[in-house]
Protein backbone atom coordinates (compact mmCIF):
# COMPACT_ATOMS: atom_id res chain seq x y z
CA MET A 1 -20.95 125.44 -76.18
CA GLU A 2 -24.57 126.40 -75.73
CA ASN A 3 -23.60 129.60 -73.89
CA LYS A 4 -21.17 130.55 -76.67
CA ASN A 5 -23.83 130.08 -79.37
CA SER A 6 -26.25 132.14 -77.32
CA GLU A 7 -23.67 134.93 -77.00
CA ASN A 8 -22.97 134.91 -80.77
CA LYS A 9 -26.70 135.12 -81.51
CA LYS A 10 -26.97 138.08 -79.17
CA LYS A 11 -24.08 139.87 -80.91
CA ASN A 12 -25.56 139.17 -84.36
CA SER A 13 -28.93 140.40 -83.20
CA ARG A 14 -27.39 143.60 -81.89
CA ARG A 15 -25.45 144.15 -85.13
CA GLU A 16 -28.62 143.70 -87.20
CA PHE A 17 -30.45 146.09 -84.87
CA LEU A 18 -27.88 148.85 -85.32
CA GLN A 19 -27.79 148.36 -89.09
CA LYS A 20 -31.54 148.73 -89.29
CA LEU A 21 -31.43 151.72 -87.00
CA GLY A 22 -28.91 153.43 -89.25
CA LEU A 23 -31.17 152.95 -92.28
CA VAL A 24 -34.43 154.16 -90.86
CA GLY A 25 -33.05 156.92 -88.64
CA MET A 26 -33.33 157.46 -84.93
CA SER A 27 -36.70 159.17 -84.67
CA ALA A 28 -38.42 156.99 -87.24
CA PHE A 29 -37.24 153.84 -85.47
CA VAL A 30 -38.44 154.81 -82.03
CA GLY A 31 -41.85 155.81 -83.36
CA GLN A 32 -42.68 153.87 -86.50
CA SER A 33 -40.66 150.66 -86.58
CA ILE A 34 -41.89 149.60 -83.15
CA LEU A 35 -45.42 149.71 -84.49
CA SER A 36 -44.54 148.12 -87.82
CA SER A 37 -43.19 145.04 -86.05
CA CYS A 38 -46.64 144.21 -84.69
CA ASN A 39 -48.68 141.26 -85.87
CA ASN A 40 -52.02 142.95 -86.44
CA ASP A 41 -53.71 139.69 -87.41
CA LYS A 42 -53.13 138.12 -84.01
CA ALA A 43 -53.35 141.27 -81.90
CA THR A 44 -56.29 141.61 -79.57
CA VAL A 45 -57.35 145.09 -78.57
CA THR A 46 -56.97 145.35 -74.81
CA GLY A 47 -58.16 148.90 -74.26
CA LYS A 48 -54.98 149.59 -72.32
CA LYS A 49 -53.14 152.60 -73.75
CA ILE A 50 -49.39 153.21 -73.69
CA LYS A 51 -47.31 156.13 -74.94
CA VAL A 52 -44.67 155.93 -77.69
CA LEU A 53 -42.53 158.53 -79.47
CA ASN A 54 -43.34 159.00 -83.17
CA GLN A 55 -41.10 160.25 -86.00
CA ASN A 56 -42.01 163.86 -85.19
CA HIS A 57 -40.79 163.51 -81.60
CA GLN A 58 -44.37 163.59 -80.33
CA LEU A 59 -45.75 161.35 -77.61
CA VAL A 60 -48.79 159.45 -78.91
CA GLU A 61 -51.09 156.88 -77.34
CA VAL A 62 -51.65 153.43 -78.90
CA ASP A 63 -53.27 150.23 -77.73
CA ALA A 64 -50.85 148.02 -75.76
CA SER A 65 -51.59 145.05 -78.00
CA SER A 66 -50.18 146.93 -81.01
CA VAL A 67 -46.67 147.28 -79.64
CA THR A 68 -43.76 144.90 -79.42
CA PRO A 69 -41.20 146.21 -76.89
CA ILE A 70 -37.54 146.61 -77.88
CA ALA A 71 -34.46 146.72 -75.71
CA ILE A 72 -34.20 150.30 -74.48
CA ASP A 73 -30.52 149.89 -73.60
CA GLU A 74 -29.65 149.10 -77.24
CA THR A 75 -31.49 152.18 -78.49
CA THR A 76 -29.78 154.32 -75.87
CA ASP A 77 -26.36 152.91 -76.80
CA TYR A 78 -26.84 153.92 -80.42
CA LEU A 79 -28.13 157.39 -79.56
CA GLN A 80 -25.19 157.91 -77.20
CA LYS A 81 -22.59 156.92 -79.82
CA GLN A 82 -24.22 158.98 -82.56
CA GLY A 83 -24.62 162.02 -80.30
CA ARG A 84 -20.98 162.10 -79.23
CA GLU A 85 -19.61 161.94 -82.77
CA GLY A 86 -21.27 165.01 -84.26
CA LEU A 87 -21.72 165.83 -87.94
CA GLU A 88 -18.92 165.60 -90.52
CA GLY A 89 -17.82 168.78 -92.30
CA LYS A 90 -19.83 171.06 -90.04
CA LYS A 91 -18.93 173.84 -87.62
CA PHE A 92 -22.12 175.52 -86.50
CA ALA A 93 -22.67 179.18 -85.62
CA LEU A 94 -25.63 181.24 -84.43
CA VAL A 95 -26.06 184.95 -85.18
CA VAL A 96 -28.47 187.01 -83.05
CA ASP A 97 -29.66 190.33 -84.48
CA LEU A 98 -30.41 192.42 -81.38
CA SER A 99 -32.00 195.18 -83.44
CA LYS A 100 -34.91 192.87 -84.30
CA CYS A 101 -35.73 191.25 -80.97
CA LYS A 102 -39.15 192.32 -79.66
CA ASN A 103 -39.28 189.93 -76.72
CA ALA A 104 -41.89 187.70 -78.38
CA ARG A 105 -40.36 184.81 -76.38
CA LYS A 106 -41.59 182.22 -78.87
CA CYS A 107 -38.04 180.89 -78.99
CA MET A 108 -38.08 180.37 -75.22
CA ASP A 109 -41.50 178.72 -75.18
CA THR A 110 -40.59 176.27 -77.93
CA CYS A 111 -37.26 175.41 -76.34
CA GLN A 112 -38.89 174.71 -72.97
CA SER A 113 -41.59 172.50 -74.44
CA VAL A 114 -39.16 170.44 -76.53
CA HIS A 115 -36.58 169.90 -73.80
CA GLN A 116 -38.93 168.93 -70.97
CA LEU A 117 -38.09 172.02 -68.91
CA ARG A 118 -40.02 173.33 -65.94
CA PRO A 119 -41.37 176.94 -66.16
CA GLU A 120 -38.43 178.34 -64.18
CA GLN A 121 -35.80 176.56 -66.32
CA HIS A 122 -34.26 178.01 -69.46
CA HIS A 123 -31.84 176.78 -72.10
CA LEU A 124 -32.40 180.17 -73.67
CA ASN A 125 -33.41 183.36 -71.89
CA VAL A 126 -34.36 186.76 -73.33
CA LEU A 127 -32.86 189.45 -71.09
CA LEU A 128 -33.67 193.17 -70.86
CA MET A 129 -30.32 194.94 -71.21
CA LYS A 130 -29.07 198.49 -70.76
CA ASP A 131 -25.46 199.43 -71.45
CA ASN A 132 -25.47 202.48 -69.17
CA GLU A 133 -27.80 205.12 -67.73
CA HIS A 134 -27.60 207.26 -70.88
CA THR A 135 -28.61 204.58 -73.40
CA ALA A 136 -31.92 203.00 -74.25
CA SER A 137 -32.68 199.40 -73.30
CA TYR A 138 -32.78 196.43 -75.66
CA TYR A 139 -33.60 192.74 -75.54
CA MET A 140 -30.85 190.11 -75.70
CA PRO A 141 -31.52 186.38 -76.19
CA LYS A 142 -28.77 184.39 -74.44
CA HIS A 143 -27.91 180.76 -75.19
CA CYS A 144 -25.02 178.50 -74.31
CA GLN A 145 -22.20 179.96 -76.39
CA HIS A 146 -20.87 176.56 -77.57
CA CYS A 147 -17.29 177.69 -77.12
CA ASP A 148 -14.34 176.33 -79.07
CA ASN A 149 -12.40 176.47 -75.81
CA PRO A 150 -15.11 175.57 -73.28
CA PRO A 151 -14.05 175.83 -69.61
CA CYS A 152 -17.02 173.68 -68.60
CA VAL A 153 -15.58 170.66 -70.42
CA LYS A 154 -12.20 170.98 -68.74
CA VAL A 155 -13.58 170.82 -65.19
CA CYS A 156 -15.98 167.89 -65.61
CA PRO A 157 -14.48 164.90 -63.72
CA VAL A 158 -16.49 162.24 -65.57
CA GLU A 159 -16.58 163.56 -69.17
CA ALA A 160 -20.32 164.12 -68.90
CA THR A 161 -19.96 167.39 -70.79
CA PHE A 162 -18.00 167.33 -74.02
CA LYS A 163 -17.34 169.19 -77.28
CA ARG A 164 -18.06 167.47 -80.59
CA LYS A 165 -16.15 167.82 -83.85
CA ASP A 166 -18.93 170.07 -85.21
CA GLY A 167 -18.36 172.53 -82.35
CA ILE A 168 -21.47 171.69 -80.31
CA VAL A 169 -21.02 171.29 -76.55
CA LEU A 170 -23.40 168.74 -75.02
CA ILE A 171 -24.17 167.13 -71.66
CA ASP A 172 -24.63 163.42 -71.12
CA ASN A 173 -26.99 163.12 -68.18
CA GLU A 174 -26.37 159.37 -68.06
CA ARG A 175 -22.85 160.23 -66.87
CA CYS A 176 -23.53 163.47 -64.99
CA ILE A 177 -22.98 163.06 -61.24
CA GLY A 178 -24.41 166.46 -60.32
CA CYS A 179 -21.18 167.98 -59.00
CA ARG A 180 -22.01 171.28 -60.78
CA PHE A 181 -18.34 172.11 -61.47
CA CYS A 182 -19.37 173.00 -65.04
CA ILE A 183 -21.95 175.50 -63.77
CA ALA A 184 -19.27 177.22 -61.70
CA ALA A 185 -16.82 177.25 -64.63
CA CYS A 186 -19.20 178.69 -67.25
CA PRO A 187 -18.68 182.47 -67.55
CA TYR A 188 -21.99 182.87 -69.40
CA SER A 189 -24.28 181.36 -66.73
CA ALA A 190 -25.68 179.14 -69.45
CA ARG A 191 -26.30 176.01 -67.37
CA SER A 192 -28.93 175.06 -64.84
CA PHE A 193 -29.43 172.20 -62.43
CA ASN A 194 -32.39 169.83 -62.24
CA TRP A 195 -33.21 170.25 -58.56
CA TYR A 196 -36.63 168.65 -59.00
CA GLU A 197 -38.24 166.00 -61.14
CA PRO A 198 -38.46 167.25 -64.77
CA LYS A 199 -41.73 168.43 -66.23
CA ASP A 200 -43.99 165.54 -67.35
CA ALA A 201 -41.45 163.00 -66.08
CA GLU A 202 -44.04 160.22 -66.10
CA LEU A 203 -44.72 160.74 -69.82
CA TYR A 204 -41.05 160.19 -70.66
CA ALA A 205 -40.45 157.25 -68.32
CA ASP A 206 -40.08 154.71 -71.17
CA VAL A 207 -38.51 157.00 -73.78
CA PRO A 208 -34.87 156.13 -74.68
CA TYR A 209 -32.41 158.84 -73.66
CA ASP A 210 -31.35 161.05 -76.58
CA ILE A 211 -28.07 162.78 -75.79
CA GLU A 212 -28.54 165.26 -78.69
CA LYS A 213 -31.85 166.44 -77.28
CA ASN A 214 -30.94 165.79 -73.62
CA VAL A 215 -34.37 164.21 -73.11
CA PRO A 216 -35.58 162.64 -70.91
CA GLN A 217 -34.22 165.08 -68.37
CA ARG A 218 -33.11 163.61 -65.04
CA LYS A 219 -33.26 164.99 -61.52
CA GLY A 220 -29.82 165.72 -60.06
CA THR A 221 -28.14 166.51 -63.40
CA VAL A 222 -27.13 169.63 -65.30
CA THR A 223 -28.97 170.84 -68.42
CA LYS A 224 -28.34 173.49 -71.06
CA CYS A 225 -28.84 174.56 -74.69
CA THR A 226 -27.95 171.81 -77.17
CA PHE A 227 -27.98 173.97 -80.34
CA SER A 228 -30.89 171.63 -81.24
CA ALA A 229 -28.43 168.95 -82.31
CA ASP A 230 -31.29 166.54 -82.99
CA CYS A 231 -32.75 168.97 -85.57
CA LEU A 232 -29.39 169.53 -87.23
CA ARG A 233 -28.96 165.80 -87.77
CA GLU A 234 -32.17 165.89 -89.82
CA GLY A 235 -31.07 168.95 -91.80
CA LYS A 236 -33.43 171.31 -89.98
CA LEU A 237 -32.81 174.64 -88.25
CA PRO A 238 -32.78 174.76 -84.41
CA TYR A 239 -36.12 174.98 -82.63
CA CYS A 240 -35.56 178.55 -81.41
CA VAL A 241 -34.48 179.77 -84.86
CA SER A 242 -37.57 178.35 -86.55
CA ALA A 243 -39.94 179.59 -83.83
CA CYS A 244 -38.86 183.26 -83.85
CA PRO A 245 -41.43 185.44 -85.69
CA ASN A 246 -39.15 188.50 -85.99
CA SER A 247 -36.14 187.33 -88.05
CA VAL A 248 -33.83 187.62 -85.03
CA TYR A 249 -31.80 184.45 -85.65
CA TYR A 250 -29.44 183.26 -88.36
CA PHE A 251 -27.89 179.79 -88.20
CA GLY A 252 -25.41 177.98 -90.38
CA ASN A 253 -22.06 176.35 -91.08
CA ILE A 254 -18.88 178.38 -90.54
CA TYR A 255 -16.97 176.18 -92.98
CA GLU A 256 -19.40 177.19 -95.72
CA ASP A 257 -19.40 180.84 -94.52
CA SER A 258 -23.18 180.95 -94.74
CA VAL A 259 -26.13 181.31 -92.38
CA THR A 260 -29.88 181.12 -92.93
CA ASN A 261 -32.49 183.35 -91.34
CA GLY A 262 -35.10 181.31 -89.51
CA THR A 263 -38.06 183.52 -90.43
CA SER A 264 -37.39 184.67 -93.99
CA GLY A 265 -35.40 181.62 -95.07
CA GLU A 266 -32.82 183.97 -96.63
CA THR A 267 -29.25 182.60 -96.76
CA VAL A 268 -26.43 185.15 -96.48
CA VAL A 269 -22.64 185.17 -96.28
CA LEU A 270 -21.68 184.91 -92.61
CA SER A 271 -18.45 186.91 -92.78
CA LYS A 272 -20.16 189.69 -94.74
CA LEU A 273 -23.10 189.82 -92.31
CA LEU A 274 -20.74 190.21 -89.35
CA ALA A 275 -18.43 192.72 -91.05
CA GLU A 276 -21.21 195.01 -92.32
CA ASN A 277 -23.06 195.01 -88.99
CA ALA A 278 -20.14 195.14 -86.54
CA GLY A 279 -20.83 191.64 -85.23
CA TYR A 280 -19.23 190.64 -81.95
CA ARG A 281 -19.06 187.81 -79.40
CA LEU A 282 -19.57 187.94 -75.64
CA MET A 283 -16.50 188.19 -73.39
CA GLU A 284 -14.05 187.49 -76.21
CA ASP A 285 -11.16 188.49 -73.95
CA LEU A 286 -11.66 185.28 -71.94
CA GLY A 287 -10.40 183.21 -74.85
CA THR A 288 -13.43 180.92 -74.89
CA ALA A 289 -14.06 181.54 -78.63
CA PRO A 290 -17.89 181.39 -78.63
CA SER A 291 -19.88 180.14 -81.61
CA VAL A 292 -22.66 182.68 -80.98
CA TYR A 293 -22.37 186.13 -82.60
CA TYR A 294 -24.40 189.27 -81.92
CA LEU A 295 -25.34 192.15 -84.19
CA PRO A 296 -25.70 195.43 -82.23
CA PRO A 297 -29.15 196.78 -81.22
CA LYS A 298 -29.25 199.65 -83.72
CA ASP A 299 -33.00 200.27 -83.29
CA ARG A 300 -33.89 200.59 -79.61
CA THR A 301 -37.35 202.08 -80.12
CA LEU A 302 -38.85 198.60 -79.74
CA ILE A 303 -38.58 198.64 -75.94
CA PRO A 304 -41.69 199.80 -74.04
CA VAL A 305 -41.00 202.87 -71.89
CA ASP A 306 -42.27 201.25 -68.68
CA GLU A 307 -39.94 198.24 -69.09
CA SER A 308 -36.97 200.44 -69.96
CA SER A 309 -37.51 202.48 -66.82
CA LYS A 310 -37.27 199.37 -64.63
CA SER A 311 -33.72 198.52 -65.65
């Protein structure tokens, strides 16, 4: 009888935890509500510092006496469930205007810093392209294409990579067994493998795993662009879109037929933008149906002569 009561209390406690988590939001809970549960009157400053994640997804140091630990597995369970469901009424698309890319690489830098990537790892890479020997070069940012018909999902033996109802393709590194079948299946070379310990692994040791951000990263698993699913849940634009200083990226909801420019903040009709600028998708003949569109590099005078000559 005692064991049964104990089990019921545990279930009720878990239910209350999830209800509270749904009210305050994922990021606010991990950062703020841990601290708010402290009894400051009885706390004694120890001088020992520990790191916690605040509502802005930043690691901050606080005194150990000011923190009451929570069950990491419960937080992770919630983040896992939420991350696999996706957002209702959304089908996301990214538009890349190749005529505006100047290789500032701010998008790359921001993406690497947010997703705990080592210097040689990329969720997004800006490539120097040249169609043939008679044409000028241009820069092309390349993400995961978040395909409607993703071959990577079909080959995963443990459902570690999956497609959500909002079109985003994610990886669950809690399930990933490191077989790398998805890397072999991806025609866009959009995935990479964590051969080594992730950058700043010790700083993220006690951070609950967020499937939408794919952080903390884990050695022996696959990683890739997430379309900044954690930002989208908060109604924000992806990290790369907001970081670009040259108006290269547009992002939005296909169902609403609208996309917003990350630099100017201008919202335009998606179908009109693509039709008027001859928008296209990569390797459409494969039938993967990517969610990333490109506008042609109409102005190729942005490429330095010395870089163009190397291609």
